[in-house]
PDB file of N, CA and C in Angstrom:
ATOM      1  N   UNK A   1       0.733  -1.138  -0.087  1.00  0.00           N
ATOM      2  CA  UNK A   1      -0.063  -0.095   0.020  1.00  0.00           C
ATOM      3  C   UNK A   1       0.971   1.332  -0.112  1.00  0.00           C
ATOM      4  N   UNK A   2       0.325   2.352  -0.767  1.00  0.00           N
ATOM      5  CA  UNK A   2       1.138   3.456  -0.687  1.00  0.00           C
ATOM      6  C   UNK A   2       0.418   4.543  -0.241  1.00  0.00           C
ATOM      7  N   UNK A   3       1.472   5.642   0.508  1.00  0.00           N
ATOM      8  CA  UNK A   3       1.042   6.710   0.992  1.00  0.00           C
ATOM      9  C   UNK A   3       0.155   7.407  -0.262  1.00  0.00           C
ATOM     10  N   UNK A   4      -1.196   8.294   0.342  1.00  0.00           N
ATOM     11  CA  UNK A   4      -1.350   9.445  -0.697  1.00  0.00           C
ATOM     12  C   UNK A   4      -0.475  10.216  -1.155  1.00  0.00           C
ATOM     13  N   UNK A   5       0.399  10.998  -0.359  1.00  0.00           N
ATOM     14  CA  UNK A   5       1.309  11.832  -0.481  1.00  0.00           C
ATOM     15  C   UNK A   5       2.295  11.072  -1.462  1.00  0.00           C
ATOM     16  N   UNK A   6       2.466  10.016  -1.529  1.00  0.00           N
ATOM     17  CA  UNK A   6       3.755   9.246  -2.322  1.00  0.00           C
ATOM     18  C   UNK A   6       3.289   8.833  -3.672  1.00  0.00           C
ATOM     19  N   UNK A   7       1.945   8.896  -3.598  1.00  0.00           N
ATOM     20  CA  UNK A   7       1.041   8.892  -4.843  1.00  0.00           C
ATOM     21  C   UNK A   7       1.184   9.745  -5.671  1.00  0.00           C
ATOM     22  N   UNK A   8       0.916  10.940  -5.023  1.00  0.00           N
ATOM     23  CA  UNK A   8       0.830  11.968  -5.949  1.00  0.00           C
ATOM     24  C   UNK A   8       2.231  12.534  -6.277  1.00  0.00           C
ATOM     25  N   UNK A   9       3.408  12.374  -5.554  1.00  0.00           N
ATOM     26  CA  UNK A   9       4.531  12.365  -5.701  1.00  0.00           C
ATOM     27  C   UNK A   9       4.876  11.695  -7.192  1.00  0.00           C
ATOM     28  N   UNK A  10       4.496  10.265  -6.981  1.00  0.00           N
ATOM     29  CA  UNK A  10       4.838   9.189  -8.001  1.00  0.00           C
ATOM     30  C   UNK A  10       3.973   9.948  -9.626  1.00  0.00           C
ATOM     31  N   UNK A  11       2.844  10.178  -9.492  1.00  0.00           N
ATOM     32  CA  UNK A  11       2.335  10.777 -10.423  1.00  0.00           C
ATOM     33  C   UNK A  11       2.653  12.045 -10.977  1.00  0.00           C
ATOM     34  N   UNK A  12       3.402  13.003 -10.156  1.00  0.00           N
ATOM     35  CA  UNK A  12       3.965  14.113 -10.592  1.00  0.00           C
ATOM     36  C   UNK A  12       5.140  13.692 -11.433  1.00  0.00           C
ATOM     37  N   UNK A  13       6.078  12.788 -10.721  1.00  0.00           N
ATOM     38  CA  UNK A  13       7.300  12.697 -11.255  1.00  0.00           C
ATOM     39  C   UNK A  13       7.390  12.008 -12.564  1.00  0.00           C
ATOM     40  N   UNK A  14       6.512  11.061 -12.817  1.00  0.00           N
ATOM     41  CA  UNK A  14       6.266  10.293 -13.891  1.00  0.00           C
ATOM     42  C   UNK A  14       5.770  11.139 -14.925  1.00  0.00           C
ATOM     43  N   UNK A  15       4.808  12.414 -14.756  1.00  0.00           N
ATOM     44  CA  UNK A  15       4.423  12.905 -16.122  1.00  0.00           C
ATOM     45  C   UNK A  15       5.867  14.068 -16.488  1.00  0.00           C
ATOM     46  N   UNK A  16       6.373  14.109 -15.243  1.00  0.00           N
ATOM     47  CA  UNK A  16       7.660  15.261 -15.785  1.00  0.00           C
ATOM     48  C   UNK A  16       8.556  14.420 -16.598  1.00  0.00           C
ATOM     49  N   UNK A  17       8.948  13.295 -16.439  1.00  0.00           N
ATOM     50  CA  UNK A  17      10.000  12.375 -17.159  1.00  0.00           C
ATOM     51  C   UNK A  17       9.302  12.169 -18.224  1.00  0.00           C
ATOM     52  N   UNK A  18       7.657  11.657 -18.771  1.00  0.00           N
ATOM     53  CA  UNK A  18       7.462  11.086 -19.829  1.00  0.00           C
ATOM     54  C   UNK A  18       6.943  12.252 -20.811  1.00  0.00           C
ATOM     55  N   UNK A  19       6.322  13.234 -20.387  1.00  0.00           N
ATOM     56  CA  UNK A  19       6.026  14.436 -20.819  1.00  0.00           C
ATOM     57  C   UNK A  19       6.553  15.828 -20.720  1.00  0.00           C
ATOM     58  N   UNK A  20       7.442  16.071 -20.075  1.00  0.00           N
ATOM     59  CA  UNK A  20       8.141  17.062 -19.808  1.00  0.00           C
ATOM     60  C   UNK A  20       7.832  18.263 -19.060  1.00  0.00           C
ATOM     61  N   UNK A  21       7.858  19.374 -18.680  1.00  0.00           N
ATOM     62  CA  UNK A  21       7.273  20.397 -17.751  1.00  0.00           C
ATOM     63  C   UNK A  21       7.896  20.518 -16.495  1.00  0.00           C
ATOM     64  N   UNK A  22       7.404  21.387 -15.749  1.00  0.00           N
ATOM     65  CA  UNK A  22       7.602  21.154 -14.537  1.00  0.00           C
ATOM     66  C   UNK A  22       7.110  20.393 -13.448  1.00  0.00           C
ATOM     67  N   UNK A  23       7.595  20.225 -12.143  1.00  0.00           N
ATOM     68  CA  UNK A  23       6.985  19.635 -11.098  1.00  0.00           C
ATOM     69  C   UNK A  23       5.255  20.504 -10.841  1.00  0.00           C
ATOM     70  N   UNK A  24       5.911  22.043 -10.568  1.00  0.00           N
ATOM     71  CA  UNK A  24       4.843  22.602  -9.805  1.00  0.00           C
ATOM     72  C   UNK A  24       3.795  22.663 -11.007  1.00  0.00           C
ATOM     73  N   UNK A  25       4.078  22.542 -12.209  1.00  0.00           N
ATOM     74  CA  UNK A  25       2.743  22.998 -13.133  1.00  0.00           C
ATOM     75  C   UNK A  25       2.063  21.488 -13.224  1.00  0.00           C
ATOM     76  N   UNK A  26       2.629  20.284 -13.044  1.00  0.00           N
ATOM     77  CA  UNK A  26       1.927  18.963 -13.160  1.00  0.00           C
ATOM     78  C   UNK A  26       1.285  18.837 -11.546  1.00  0.00           C
ATOM     79  N   UNK A  27       1.599  19.095 -10.657  1.00  0.00           N
ATOM     80  CA  UNK A  27       0.958  19.423  -9.612  1.00  0.00           C
ATOM     81  C   UNK A  27      -0.190  19.980  -9.439  1.00  0.00           C
ATOM     82  N   UNK A  28      -0.088  20.941 -10.123  1.00  0.00           N
ATOM     83  CA  UNK A  28      -1.433  22.113  -9.907  1.00  0.00           C
ATOM     84  C   UNK A  28      -2.243  21.094 -10.913  1.00  0.00           C
ATOM     85  N   UNK A  29      -2.172  20.705 -12.084  1.00  0.00           N
ATOM     86  CA  UNK A  29      -2.690  20.105 -13.083  1.00  0.00           C
ATOM     87  C   UNK A  29      -3.230  18.550 -12.178  1.00  0.00           C
ATOM     88  N   UNK A  30      -2.564  17.966 -11.558  1.00  0.00           N
ATOM     89  CA  UNK A  30      -3.138  16.726 -11.055  1.00  0.00           C
ATOM     90  C   UNK A  30      -4.297  16.854  -9.787  1.00  0.00           C
ATOM     91  N   UNK A  31      -3.758  17.853  -9.457  1.00  0.00           N
ATOM     92  CA  UNK A  31      -4.654  18.315  -7.850  1.00  0.00           C
ATOM     93  C   UNK A  31      -4.050  16.965  -6.689  1.00  0.00           C
ATOM     94  N   UNK A  32      -5.045  17.062  -5.666  1.00  0.00           N
ATOM     95  CA  UNK A  32      -4.830  15.984  -4.609  1.00  0.00           C
ATOM     96  C   UNK A  32      -5.074  14.907  -5.115  1.00  0.00           C
ATOM     97  N   UNK A  33      -4.739  14.099  -4.124  1.00  0.00           N
ATOM     98  CA  UNK A  33      -5.258  12.713  -4.221  1.00  0.00           C
ATOM     99  C   UNK A  33      -6.339  12.641  -3.108  1.00  0.00           C
ATOM    100  N   UNK A  34      -7.576  12.435  -3.467  1.00  0.00           N
ATOM    101  CA  UNK A  34      -8.550  11.971  -2.895  1.00  0.00           C
ATOM    102  C   UNK A  34      -8.875  10.691  -2.212  1.00  0.00           C
ATOM    103  N   UNK A  35      -8.615  10.307  -1.047  1.00  0.00           N
ATOM    104  CA  UNK A  35      -8.811   8.909  -0.362  1.00  0.00           C
ATOM    105  C   UNK A  35     -10.618   8.670  -0.513  1.00  0.00           C
ATOM    106  N   UNK A  36     -10.746   7.068  -0.705  1.00  0.00           N
ATOM    107  CA  UNK A  36     -12.375   6.655  -0.924  1.00  0.00           C
ATOM    108  C   UNK A  36     -12.470   6.197   0.274  1.00  0.00           C
ATOM    109  N   UNK A  37     -13.448   5.385   0.831  1.00  0.00           N
ATOM    110  CA  UNK A  37     -13.844   4.856   1.691  1.00  0.00           C
ATOM    111  C   UNK A  37     -13.268   3.067   1.070  1.00  0.00           C
ATOM    112  N   UNK A  38     -12.714   2.236   1.523  1.00  0.00           N
ATOM    113  CA  UNK A  38     -11.574   1.043   1.325  1.00  0.00           C
ATOM    114  C   UNK A  38     -13.083   0.130   1.373  1.00  0.00           C
ATOM    115  N   UNK A  39     -13.815  -0.131   2.148  1.00  0.00           N
ATOM    116  CA  UNK A  39     -14.876  -1.074   2.413  1.00  0.00           C
ATOM    117  C   UNK A  39     -15.754  -0.939   1.201  1.00  0.00           C
ATOM    118  N   UNK A  40     -16.288   0.378   0.628  1.00  0.00           N
ATOM    119  CA  UNK A  40     -16.838   0.607  -0.627  1.00  0.00           C
ATOM    120  C   UNK A  40     -16.530   0.681  -1.772  1.00  0.00           C
ATOM    121  N   UNK A  41     -15.025   0.957  -2.066  1.00  0.00           N
ATOM    122  CA  UNK A  41     -14.286   0.866  -3.313  1.00  0.00           C
ATOM    123  C   UNK A  41     -13.244  -0.103  -2.614  1.00  0.00           C
ATOM    124  N   UNK A  42     -13.471  -1.471  -2.956  1.00  0.00           N
ATOM    125  CA  UNK A  42     -12.318  -2.408  -2.616  1.00  0.00           C
ATOM    126  C   UNK A  42     -11.371  -2.149  -3.936  1.00  0.00           C
ATOM    127  N   UNK A  43     -12.066  -2.004  -5.198  1.00  0.00           N
ATOM    128  CA  UNK A  43     -10.869  -2.181  -6.236  1.00  0.00           C
ATOM    129  C   UNK A  43     -10.053  -1.000  -6.454  1.00  0.00           C
ATOM    130  N   UNK A  44     -10.427   0.388  -6.088  1.00  0.00           N
ATOM    131  CA  UNK A  44      -9.426   0.893  -6.004  1.00  0.00           C
ATOM    132  C   UNK A  44      -9.953   2.325  -5.216  1.00  0.00           C
ATOM    133  N   UNK A  45      -9.032   2.572  -4.011  1.00  0.00           N
ATOM    134  CA  UNK A  45      -9.976   3.566  -3.038  1.00  0.00           C
ATOM    135  C   UNK A  45      -9.263   4.916  -2.955  1.00  0.00           C
ATOM    136  N   UNK A  46      -8.586   5.546  -4.307  1.00  0.00           N
ATOM    137  CA  UNK A  46      -8.366   6.780  -4.609  1.00  0.00           C
ATOM    138  C   UNK A  46      -8.644   7.324  -5.706  1.00  0.00           C
ATOM    139  N   UNK A  47      -8.747   8.643  -5.827  1.00  0.00           N
ATOM    140  CA  UNK A  47      -9.028   9.414  -7.093  1.00  0.00           C
ATOM    141  C   UNK A  47      -8.245  10.574  -7.149  1.00  0.00           C
ATOM    142  N   UNK A  48      -8.322  11.417  -8.147  1.00  0.00           N
ATOM    143  CA  UNK A  48      -7.677  12.572  -8.799  1.00  0.00           C
ATOM    144  C   UNK A  48      -8.835  13.001  -9.661  1.00  0.00           C
ATOM    145  N   UNK A  49      -8.990  14.366  -9.500  1.00  0.00           N
ATOM    146  CA  UNK A  49      -9.631  15.205 -10.172  1.00  0.00           C
ATOM    147  C   UNK A  49      -8.293  16.298 -10.910  1.00  0.00           C
ATOM    148  N   UNK A  50      -8.178  15.570 -12.525  1.00  0.00           N
ATOM    149  CA  UNK A  50      -7.259  16.812 -13.091  1.00  0.00           C
ATOM    150  C   UNK A  50      -8.116  17.984 -13.345  1.00  0.00           C
ATOM    151  N   UNK A  51      -7.115  19.126 -13.033  1.00  0.00           N
ATOM    152  CA  UNK A  51      -7.670  20.319 -13.428  1.00  0.00           C
ATOM    153  C   UNK A  51      -6.746  21.487 -14.381  1.00  0.00           C
ATOM    154  N   UNK A  52      -6.168  20.436 -15.246  1.00  0.00           N
ATOM    155  CA  UNK A  52      -5.048  20.806 -16.489  1.00  0.00           C
ATOM    156  C   UNK A  52      -5.946  21.174 -17.557  1.00  0.00           C
ATOM    157  N   UNK A  53      -4.918  21.435 -18.800  1.00  0.00           N
ATOM    158  CA  UNK A  53      -5.393  21.818 -20.067  1.00  0.00           C
ATOM    159  C   UNK A  53      -6.113  20.507 -20.646  1.00  0.00           C
ATOM    160  N   UNK A  54      -6.663  20.381 -21.774  1.00  0.00           N
ATOM    161  CA  UNK A  54      -7.164  19.151 -22.115  1.00  0.00           C
ATOM    162  C   UNK A  54      -6.555  18.144 -22.422  1.00  0.00           C
ATOM    163  N   UNK A  55      -5.011  18.799 -23.141  1.00  0.00           N
ATOM    164  CA  UNK A  55      -3.993  17.610 -23.105  1.00  0.00           C
ATOM    165  C   UNK A  55      -3.184  17.403 -22.066  1.00  0.00           C
ATOM    166  N   UNK A  56      -3.103  17.994 -21.057  1.00  0.00           N
ATOM    167  CA  UNK A  56      -2.657  17.485 -19.689  1.00  0.00           C
ATOM    168  C   UNK A  56      -3.208  16.748 -19.120  1.00  0.00           C
ATOM    169  N   UNK A  57      -4.751  16.837 -19.313  1.00  0.00           N
ATOM    170  CA  UNK A  57      -5.769  15.642 -18.355  1.00  0.00           C
ATOM    171  C   UNK A  57      -5.685  14.470 -19.063  1.00  0.00           C
ATOM    172  N   UNK A  58      -5.488  14.609 -20.148  1.00  0.00           N
ATOM    173  CA  UNK A  58      -5.502  13.341 -21.248  1.00  0.00           C
ATOM    174  C   UNK A  58      -4.287  12.226 -20.564  1.00  0.00           C
ATOM    175  N   UNK A  59      -3.094  13.199 -20.636  1.00  0.00           N
ATOM    176  CA  UNK A  59      -1.537  12.526 -20.364  1.00  0.00           C
ATOM    177  C   UNK A  59      -2.165  11.718 -18.895  1.00  0.00           C
ATOM    178  N   UNK A  60      -2.723  12.733 -18.026  1.00  0.00           N
ATOM    179  CA  UNK A  60      -2.953  12.307 -16.372  1.00  0.00           C
ATOM    180  C   UNK A  60      -3.670  11.264 -16.405  1.00  0.00           C
ATOM    181  N   UNK A  61      -4.891  11.067 -17.238  1.00  0.00           N
ATOM    182  CA  UNK A  61      -5.861  10.194 -17.215  1.00  0.00           C
ATOM    183  C   UNK A  61      -5.259   9.045 -17.866  1.00  0.00           C
ATOM    184  N   UNK A  62      -4.162   8.959 -18.817  1.00  0.00           N
ATOM    185  CA  UNK A  62      -3.837   7.979 -18.948  1.00  0.00           C
ATOM    186  C   UNK A  62      -2.652   7.230 -18.133  1.00  0.00           C
ATOM    187  N   UNK A  63      -2.257   7.490 -17.607  1.00  0.00           N
ATOM    188  CA  UNK A  63      -1.391   7.677 -16.223  1.00  0.00           C
ATOM    189  C   UNK A  63      -2.012   7.132 -15.095  1.00  0.00           C
ATOM    190  N   UNK A  64      -3.281   7.513 -14.992  1.00  0.00           N
ATOM    191  CA  UNK A  64      -3.780   7.115 -13.730  1.00  0.00           C
ATOM    192  C   UNK A  64      -4.099   5.699 -13.995  1.00  0.00           C
ATOM    193  N   UNK A  65      -4.693   5.344 -15.264  1.00  0.00           N
ATOM    194  CA  UNK A  65      -5.224   3.985 -15.444  1.00  0.00           C
ATOM    195  C   UNK A  65      -4.084   2.709 -15.189  1.00  0.00           C
ATOM    196  N   UNK A  66      -2.750   3.256 -15.667  1.00  0.00           N
ATOM    197  CA  UNK A  66      -1.928   2.138 -15.263  1.00  0.00           C
ATOM    198  C   UNK A  66      -1.900   2.410 -13.864  1.00  0.00           C
ATOM    199  N   UNK A  67      -1.343   3.491 -12.880  1.00  0.00           N
ATOM    200  CA  UNK A  67      -1.413   3.282 -11.630  1.00  0.00           C
ATOM    201  C   UNK A  67      -2.522   2.832 -10.905  1.00  0.00           C
ATOM    202  N   UNK A  68      -3.655   2.634 -11.316  1.00  0.00           N
ATOM    203  CA  UNK A  68      -4.659   2.048 -10.720  1.00  0.00           C
ATOM    204  C   UNK A  68      -4.559   0.343 -10.596  1.00  0.00           C
ATOM    205  N   UNK A  69      -4.103  -0.145 -11.904  1.00  0.00           N
ATOM    206  CA  UNK A  69      -3.781  -1.562 -11.842  1.00  0.00           C
ATOM    207  C   UNK A  69      -2.034  -1.767 -10.690  1.00  0.00           C
ATOM    208  N   UNK A  70      -1.282  -0.895 -10.756  1.00  0.00           N
ATOM    209  CA  UNK A  70      -0.478  -0.953 -10.015  1.00  0.00           C
ATOM    210  C   UNK A  70      -0.600  -0.763  -8.363  1.00  0.00           C
ATOM    211  N   UNK A  71      -1.242   0.615  -8.354  1.00  0.00           N
ATOM    212  CA  UNK A  71      -1.321   0.714  -6.769  1.00  0.00           C
ATOM    213  C   UNK A  71      -2.806   0.922  -6.677  1.00  0.00           C
ATOM    214  N   UNK A  72      -3.909  -0.193  -6.397  1.00  0.00           N
ATOM    215  CA  UNK A  72      -4.952   0.260  -6.218  1.00  0.00           C
ATOM    216  C   UNK A  72      -5.679   0.691  -4.881  1.00  0.00           C
ATOM    217  N   UNK A  73      -4.766   0.289  -3.971  1.00  0.00           N
ATOM    218  CA  UNK A  73      -5.032   0.925  -2.633  1.00  0.00           C
ATOM    219  C   UNK A  73      -4.093   2.123  -2.018  1.00  0.00           C
ATOM    220  N   UNK A  74      -4.574   3.090  -1.233  1.00  0.00           N
ATOM    221  CA  UNK A  74      -3.639   4.117  -0.698  1.00  0.00           C
ATOM    222  C   UNK A  74      -4.264   4.317   0.517  1.00  0.00           C
ATOM    223  N   UNK A  75      -3.016   4.621   1.485  1.00  0.00           N
ATOM    224  CA  UNK A  75      -3.411   5.005   2.930  1.00  0.00           C
ATOM    225  C   UNK A  75      -2.858   6.363   3.121  1.00  0.00           C
ATOM    226  N   UNK A  76      -3.816   6.814   3.928  1.00  0.00           N
ATOM    227  CA  UNK A  76      -3.645   8.401   4.666  1.00  0.00           C
ATOM    228  C   UNK A  76      -2.173   8.636   4.882  1.00  0.00           C
ATOM    229  N   UNK A  77      -1.611   9.699   4.753  1.00  0.00           N
ATOM    230  CA  UNK A  77      -0.415   9.916   5.230  1.00  0.00           C
ATOM    231  C   UNK A  77       0.310   9.791   6.686  1.00  0.00           C
TER     232      UNK A  77
END
């Protein structure tokens, strides 16, 4: 299980490596990792609501699809 802050750091660093840009910009575009009730959302207990440009959001969603498979459960910090 990965902590929510670690998951956000992983998302941001991966986007910087794959797409380029700055960590600050990607952190703003990704937004916070929200934790959901694990009993109710057993398949994946976290979510992100991207707030970037359409291109940024597309890149974020593509990465999130992969990370949901790799890290389905996150824990509070």
